[in-house]
C-alpha atoms as a PDB file:
ATOM      1  CA  UNK A   1     -12.921  14.206 -26.885  1.00  0.00           C
ATOM      2  CA  UNK A   2     -16.426  14.733 -25.748  1.00  0.00           C
ATOM      3  CA  UNK A   3     -17.620  16.702 -22.227  1.00  0.00           C
ATOM      4  CA  UNK A   4     -18.496  13.414 -21.157  1.00  0.00           C
ATOM      5  CA  UNK A   5     -15.555  11.643 -21.572  1.00  0.00           C
ATOM      6  CA  UNK A   6     -13.383  14.186 -20.640  1.00  0.00           C
ATOM      7  CA  UNK A   7     -15.262  14.075 -17.538  1.00  0.00           C
ATOM      8  CA  UNK A   8     -14.780  10.118 -17.333  1.00  0.00           C
ATOM      9  CA  UNK A   9     -11.179  11.002 -17.459  1.00  0.00           C
ATOM     10  CA  UNK A  10     -10.641  13.250 -14.854  1.00  0.00           C
ATOM     11  CA  UNK A  11     -12.774  10.942 -12.695  1.00  0.00           C
ATOM     12  CA  UNK A  12     -10.447   8.426 -13.248  1.00  0.00           C
ATOM     13  CA  UNK A  13      -7.701  10.067 -12.520  1.00  0.00           C
ATOM     14  CA  UNK A  14      -8.709  11.194  -9.616  1.00  0.00           C
ATOM     15  CA  UNK A  15      -9.706   7.863  -8.719  1.00  0.00           C
ATOM     16  CA  UNK A  16      -6.244   6.792  -8.942  1.00  0.00           C
ATOM     17  CA  UNK A  17      -4.636   9.504  -7.357  1.00  0.00           C
ATOM     18  CA  UNK A  18      -6.636   8.606  -4.482  1.00  0.00           C
ATOM     19  CA  UNK A  19      -5.727   5.141  -4.728  1.00  0.00           C
ATOM     20  CA  UNK A  20      -2.136   5.444  -5.064  1.00  0.00           C
ATOM     21  CA  UNK A  21      -0.294   6.017  -1.662  1.00  0.00           C
ATOM     22  CA  UNK A  22      -2.668   3.173  -0.626  1.00  0.00           C
ATOM     23  CA  UNK A  23      -1.437   0.820  -3.643  1.00  0.00           C
ATOM     24  CA  UNK A  24       2.125   1.753  -2.667  1.00  0.00           C
ATOM     25  CA  UNK A  25       0.952   0.938   1.202  1.00  0.00           C
ATOM     26  CA  UNK A  26       0.395  -2.281   0.463  1.00  0.00           C
ATOM     27  CA  UNK A  27       2.894  -3.701  -1.458  1.00  0.00           C
ATOM     28  CA  UNK A  28       5.367  -2.346   1.214  1.00  0.00           C
ATOM     29  CA  UNK A  29       3.270  -4.326   4.038  1.00  0.00           C
ATOM     30  CA  UNK A  30       3.381  -7.668   1.759  1.00  0.00           C
ATOM     31  CA  UNK A  31       7.385  -6.701   1.803  1.00  0.00           C
ATOM     32  CA  UNK A  32       7.518  -6.774   5.193  1.00  0.00           C
ATOM     33  CA  UNK A  33       5.542  -9.309   5.983  1.00  0.00           C
ATOM     34  CA  UNK A  34       6.349 -12.073   3.708  1.00  0.00           C
ATOM     35  CA  UNK A  35       9.833 -10.812   2.378  1.00  0.00           C
ATOM     36  CA  UNK A  36      11.699  -9.233   4.867  1.00  0.00           C
ATOM     37  CA  UNK A  37      10.100 -11.022   7.995  1.00  0.00           C
ATOM     38  CA  UNK A  38       8.810  -9.591  11.486  1.00  0.00           C
ATOM     39  CA  UNK A  39       9.632  -9.656  14.908  1.00  0.00           C
ATOM     40  CA  UNK A  40       7.836  -8.757  17.847  1.00  0.00           C
ATOM     41  CA  UNK A  41       9.628  -4.873  18.837  1.00  0.00           C
ATOM     42  CA  UNK A  42      12.485  -5.095  20.984  1.00  0.00           C
ATOM     43  CA  UNK A  43      14.149  -1.870  21.554  1.00  0.00           C
ATOM     44  CA  UNK A  44      17.630  -1.781  21.808  1.00  0.00           C
ATOM     45  CA  UNK A  45      20.940   0.063  20.086  1.00  0.00           C
ATOM     46  CA  UNK A  46      21.448  -0.140  16.713  1.00  0.00           C
ATOM     47  CA  UNK A  47      23.537  -3.076  15.445  1.00  0.00           C
ATOM     48  CA  UNK A  48      26.600  -1.799  13.438  1.00  0.00           C
ATOM     49  CA  UNK A  49      25.493  -2.991  10.544  1.00  0.00           C
ATOM     50  CA  UNK A  50      22.541  -1.540  10.937  1.00  0.00           C
ATOM     51  CA  UNK A  51      23.980   1.968  11.479  1.00  0.00           C
ATOM     52  CA  UNK A  52      26.246   1.210   8.451  1.00  0.00           C
ATOM     53  CA  UNK A  53      23.198   1.343   6.466  1.00  0.00           C
ATOM     54  CA  UNK A  54      21.871   4.259   8.235  1.00  0.00           C
ATOM     55  CA  UNK A  55      25.623   6.214   7.518  1.00  0.00           C
ATOM     56  CA  UNK A  56      25.952   5.298   3.772  1.00  0.00           C
ATOM     57  CA  UNK A  57      22.463   6.448   3.400  1.00  0.00           C
ATOM     58  CA  UNK A  58      22.865   9.632   5.061  1.00  0.00           C
ATOM     59  CA  UNK A  59      26.115  10.577   3.093  1.00  0.00           C
ATOM     60  CA  UNK A  60      23.813   9.919  -0.154  1.00  0.00           C
ATOM     61  CA  UNK A  61      21.616  12.748   1.096  1.00  0.00           C
ATOM     62  CA  UNK A  62      24.557  14.727   2.198  1.00  0.00           C
ATOM     63  CA  UNK A  63      25.436  14.533  -1.887  1.00  0.00           C
ATOM     64  CA  UNK A  64      21.845  15.021  -2.995  1.00  0.00           C
ATOM     65  CA  UNK A  65      21.820  18.238  -0.929  1.00  0.00           C
ATOM     66  CA  UNK A  66      25.094  19.207  -1.902  1.00  0.00           C
ATOM     67  CA  UNK A  67      23.746  18.638  -5.618  1.00  0.00           C
ATOM     68  CA  UNK A  68      20.703  20.542  -5.730  1.00  0.00           C
ATOM     69  CA  UNK A  69      22.578  23.461  -3.911  1.00  0.00           C
ATOM     70  CA  UNK A  70      25.269  23.370  -6.495  1.00  0.00           C
ATOM     71  CA  UNK A  71      22.309  23.716  -8.978  1.00  0.00           C
ATOM     72  CA  UNK A  72      20.667  26.391  -8.024  1.00  0.00           C
ATOM     73  CA  UNK A  73      24.084  28.406  -7.052  1.00  0.00           C
ATOM     74  CA  UNK A  74      24.760  27.971 -11.116  1.00  0.00           C
ATOM     75  CA  UNK A  75      21.478  28.804 -11.946  1.00  0.00           C
ATOM     76  CA  UNK A  76      21.472  31.615 -10.504  1.00  0.00           C
ATOM     77  CA  UNK A  77      25.454  32.724 -12.091  1.00  0.00           C
ATOM     78  CA  UNK A  78      24.167  31.616 -15.074  1.00  0.00           C
ATOM     79  CA  UNK A  79      21.420  33.968 -15.215  1.00  0.00           C
ATOM     80  CA  UNK A  80      22.814  36.814 -13.095  1.00  0.00           C
ATOM     81  CA  UNK A  81      20.608  36.338 -10.194  1.00  0.00           C
ATOM     82  CA  UNK A  82      21.289  36.945  -6.138  1.00  0.00           C
ATOM     83  CA  UNK A  83      19.684  35.584  -3.616  1.00  0.00           C
ATOM     84  CA  UNK A  84      19.001  38.415  -1.024  1.00  0.00           C
ATOM     85  CA  UNK A  85      18.266  42.389  -1.796  1.00  0.00           C
ATOM     86  CA  UNK A  86      21.741  43.419  -0.587  1.00  0.00           C
ATOM     87  CA  UNK A  87      22.958  40.986  -3.423  1.00  0.00           C
ATOM     88  CA  UNK A  88      20.960  42.413  -6.228  1.00  0.00           C
ATOM     89  CA  UNK A  89      22.238  46.264  -4.940  1.00  0.00           C
ATOM     90  CA  UNK A  90      26.052  45.211  -4.802  1.00  0.00           C
ATOM     91  CA  UNK A  91      26.281  43.547  -8.010  1.00  0.00           C
ATOM     92  CA  UNK A  92      24.492  46.587  -9.793  1.00  0.00           C
ATOM     93  CA  UNK A  93      21.619  44.117 -11.394  1.00  0.00           C
ATOM     94  CA  UNK A  94      18.167  44.105 -11.244  1.00  0.00           C
ATOM     95  CA  UNK A  95      15.752  41.317 -11.292  1.00  0.00           C
ATOM     96  CA  UNK A  96      13.622  42.734 -14.467  1.00  0.00           C
ATOM     97  CA  UNK A  97      16.530  42.100 -16.728  1.00  0.00           C
ATOM     98  CA  UNK A  98      17.044  38.361 -16.174  1.00  0.00           C
ATOM     99  CA  UNK A  99      15.085  36.340 -18.816  1.00  0.00           C
ATOM    100  CA  UNK A 100      11.945  34.359 -17.698  1.00  0.00           C
ATOM    101  CA  UNK A 101      13.786  30.946 -18.675  1.00  0.00           C
ATOM    102  CA  UNK A 102      16.258  32.118 -15.217  1.00  0.00           C
ATOM    103  CA  UNK A 103      13.092  31.933 -13.584  1.00  0.00           C
ATOM    104  CA  UNK A 104      11.653  29.251 -14.256  1.00  0.00           C
ATOM    105  CA  UNK A 105      14.650  27.005 -13.851  1.00  0.00           C
ATOM    106  CA  UNK A 106      15.542  29.340 -10.313  1.00  0.00           C
ATOM    107  CA  UNK A 107      12.244  27.742  -9.562  1.00  0.00           C
ATOM    108  CA  UNK A 108      12.258  24.356 -10.750  1.00  0.00           C
ATOM    109  CA  UNK A 109      15.539  23.985  -8.138  1.00  0.00           C
ATOM    110  CA  UNK A 110      13.917  25.392  -5.466  1.00  0.00           C
ATOM    111  CA  UNK A 111      11.000  23.400  -5.745  1.00  0.00           C
ATOM    112  CA  UNK A 112      13.161  19.987  -6.192  1.00  0.00           C
ATOM    113  CA  UNK A 113      15.232  21.106  -2.824  1.00  0.00           C
ATOM    114  CA  UNK A 114      11.755  21.839  -1.427  1.00  0.00           C
ATOM    115  CA  UNK A 115      10.750  18.694  -2.597  1.00  0.00           C
ATOM    116  CA  UNK A 116      14.295  17.262  -0.992  1.00  0.00           C
ATOM    117  CA  UNK A 117      13.946  18.410   2.520  1.00  0.00           C
ATOM    118  CA  UNK A 118      10.085  17.663   3.007  1.00  0.00           C
ATOM    119  CA  UNK A 119      10.712  14.103   2.475  1.00  0.00           C
ATOM    120  CA  UNK A 120      13.927  13.998   3.852  1.00  0.00           C
ATOM    121  CA  UNK A 121      12.451  15.070   7.398  1.00  0.00           C
ATOM    122  CA  UNK A 122      10.057  12.604   7.425  1.00  0.00           C
ATOM    123  CA  UNK A 123      12.239   9.683   6.582  1.00  0.00           C
ATOM    124  CA  UNK A 124      14.598  10.992   9.203  1.00  0.00           C
ATOM    125  CA  UNK A 125      11.797  10.634  11.464  1.00  0.00           C
ATOM    126  CA  UNK A 126      10.715   6.934  10.789  1.00  0.00           C
ATOM    127  CA  UNK A 127      14.262   6.371  10.698  1.00  0.00           C
ATOM    128  CA  UNK A 128      15.290   7.314  14.257  1.00  0.00           C
ATOM    129  CA  UNK A 129      12.795   5.347  15.338  1.00  0.00           C
ATOM    130  CA  UNK A 130      13.133   2.173  12.902  1.00  0.00           C
ATOM    131  CA  UNK A 131      17.067   1.777  13.861  1.00  0.00           C
ATOM    132  CA  UNK A 132      16.056   1.810  17.491  1.00  0.00           C
ATOM    133  CA  UNK A 133      13.804  -1.471  17.360  1.00  0.00           C
ATOM    134  CA  UNK A 134      16.177  -4.089  15.827  1.00  0.00           C
ATOM    135  CA  UNK A 135      14.804  -4.634  12.521  1.00  0.00           C
ATOM    136  CA  UNK A 136      15.783  -7.291   9.953  1.00  0.00           C
ATOM    137  CA  UNK A 137      18.742  -6.468   8.167  1.00  0.00           C
ATOM    138  CA  UNK A 138      16.991  -7.045   4.396  1.00  0.00           C
ATOM    139  CA  UNK A 139      14.387  -4.394   5.978  1.00  0.00           C
ATOM    140  CA  UNK A 140      16.724  -2.039   7.130  1.00  0.00           C
ATOM    141  CA  UNK A 141      19.114  -2.319   3.398  1.00  0.00           C
ATOM    142  CA  UNK A 142      16.014  -1.864   1.077  1.00  0.00           C
ATOM    143  CA  UNK A 143      14.026   0.983   2.966  1.00  0.00           C
ATOM    144  CA  UNK A 144      16.850   3.237   3.796  1.00  0.00           C
ATOM    145  CA  UNK A 145      19.551   2.876   1.047  1.00  0.00           C
ATOM    146  CA  UNK A 146      16.536   2.686  -1.504  1.00  0.00           C
ATOM    147  CA  UNK A 147      15.237   5.719  -0.138  1.00  0.00           C
ATOM    148  CA  UNK A 148      18.395   7.549  -0.445  1.00  0.00           C
ATOM    149  CA  UNK A 149      18.858   6.610  -3.895  1.00  0.00           C
ATOM    150  CA  UNK A 150      15.306   6.800  -4.874  1.00  0.00           C
ATOM    151  CA  UNK A 151      16.124  10.686  -3.905  1.00  0.00           C
ATOM    152  CA  UNK A 152      19.132  10.488  -5.954  1.00  0.00           C
ATOM    153  CA  UNK A 153      17.080   9.176  -8.790  1.00  0.00           C
ATOM    154  CA  UNK A 154      14.379  11.733  -8.304  1.00  0.00           C
ATOM    155  CA  UNK A 155      16.614  14.876  -8.162  1.00  0.00           C
ATOM    156  CA  UNK A 156      18.067  13.696 -11.572  1.00  0.00           C
ATOM    157  CA  UNK A 157      14.502  13.773 -12.903  1.00  0.00           C
ATOM    158  CA  UNK A 158      13.571  17.060 -11.369  1.00  0.00           C
ATOM    159  CA  UNK A 159      16.765  18.773 -12.565  1.00  0.00           C
ATOM    160  CA  UNK A 160      16.448  17.268 -16.106  1.00  0.00           C
ATOM    161  CA  UNK A 161      13.003  17.665 -16.316  1.00  0.00           C
ATOM    162  CA  UNK A 162      12.184  14.198 -16.709  1.00  0.00           C
ATOM    163  CA  UNK A 163       8.684  13.560 -15.561  1.00  0.00           C
ATOM    164  CA  UNK A 164       8.608  10.128 -15.950  1.00  0.00           C
ATOM    165  CA  UNK A 165      11.950   9.149 -13.853  1.00  0.00           C
ATOM    166  CA  UNK A 166      11.101  11.992 -11.657  1.00  0.00           C
ATOM    167  CA  UNK A 167       7.265  10.611 -10.892  1.00  0.00           C
ATOM    168  CA  UNK A 168       9.209   6.719 -10.533  1.00  0.00           C
ATOM    169  CA  UNK A 169      12.329   8.255  -8.117  1.00  0.00           C
ATOM    170  CA  UNK A 170       9.097   9.768  -6.135  1.00  0.00           C
ATOM    171  CA  UNK A 171       7.314   6.142  -6.370  1.00  0.00           C
ATOM    172  CA  UNK A 172      10.115   4.371  -4.961  1.00  0.00           C
ATOM    173  CA  UNK A 173      11.088   6.957  -2.379  1.00  0.00           C
ATOM    174  CA  UNK A 174       7.381   6.959  -0.847  1.00  0.00           C
ATOM    175  CA  UNK A 175       7.843   3.052  -0.896  1.00  0.00           C
ATOM    176  CA  UNK A 176      10.670   3.291   1.406  1.00  0.00           C
ATOM    177  CA  UNK A 177       9.152   5.673   3.706  1.00  0.00           C
ATOM    178  CA  UNK A 178       5.875   3.578   3.441  1.00  0.00           C
ATOM    179  CA  UNK A 179       7.752   0.069   3.998  1.00  0.00           C
ATOM    180  CA  UNK A 180       9.563   1.884   7.433  1.00  0.00           C
ATOM    181  CA  UNK A 181       5.857   3.210   8.683  1.00  0.00           C
ATOM    182  CA  UNK A 182       4.335   0.102   7.798  1.00  0.00           C
ATOM    183  CA  UNK A 183       7.537  -2.485   9.460  1.00  0.00           C
ATOM    184  CA  UNK A 184       7.126  -0.240  12.542  1.00  0.00           C
ATOM    185  CA  UNK A 185       3.595  -0.665  12.884  1.00  0.00           C
ATOM    186  CA  UNK A 186       3.281  -4.352  11.972  1.00  0.00           C
ATOM    187  CA  UNK A 187       6.375  -4.590  14.655  1.00  0.00           C
ATOM    188  CA  UNK A 188       4.207  -3.962  17.243  1.00  0.00           C
ATOM    189  CA  UNK A 189       1.340  -7.021  16.438  1.00  0.00           C
ATOM    190  CA  UNK A 190       4.060  -9.434  15.780  1.00  0.00           C
END
């Protein structure tokens, strides 16, 4: 590959990275407008069906958190790693004796956990508002449950090192968040 081809490849990748969020946003708007239907913003307590969807999603997200937490601790046990200076001292182990593979695995688990937390915070804020505006049931089911299921898939992809799975499920969870956000904005003008 020549320098010119490499530069063009880098440019097209940058363009794709910049256009990617816009593409996902457009898909979410199309689904909200043409598939799920919108009604004007009406603030009310969530229906029991929407509350049930939120409960199922919350349980799935707690399961995801538990999976990440447990995987992290199992890696620590496997490589005799500890979380605090006090634990290192009490164990008699030394960070210098941990193989590089152990540090890479711990970093993978920490990154997966951090990514899940960052995304779940944004999701929770959106859902807290979304459920108060009388959303349609199909939109509620797809965006709320879709996010939780996508996060489980993302965790699986991350922990197994499957970049393509991780990327696909990241896109689905992003679509769900954009779906929630665009539904809120569109309901303001419906």
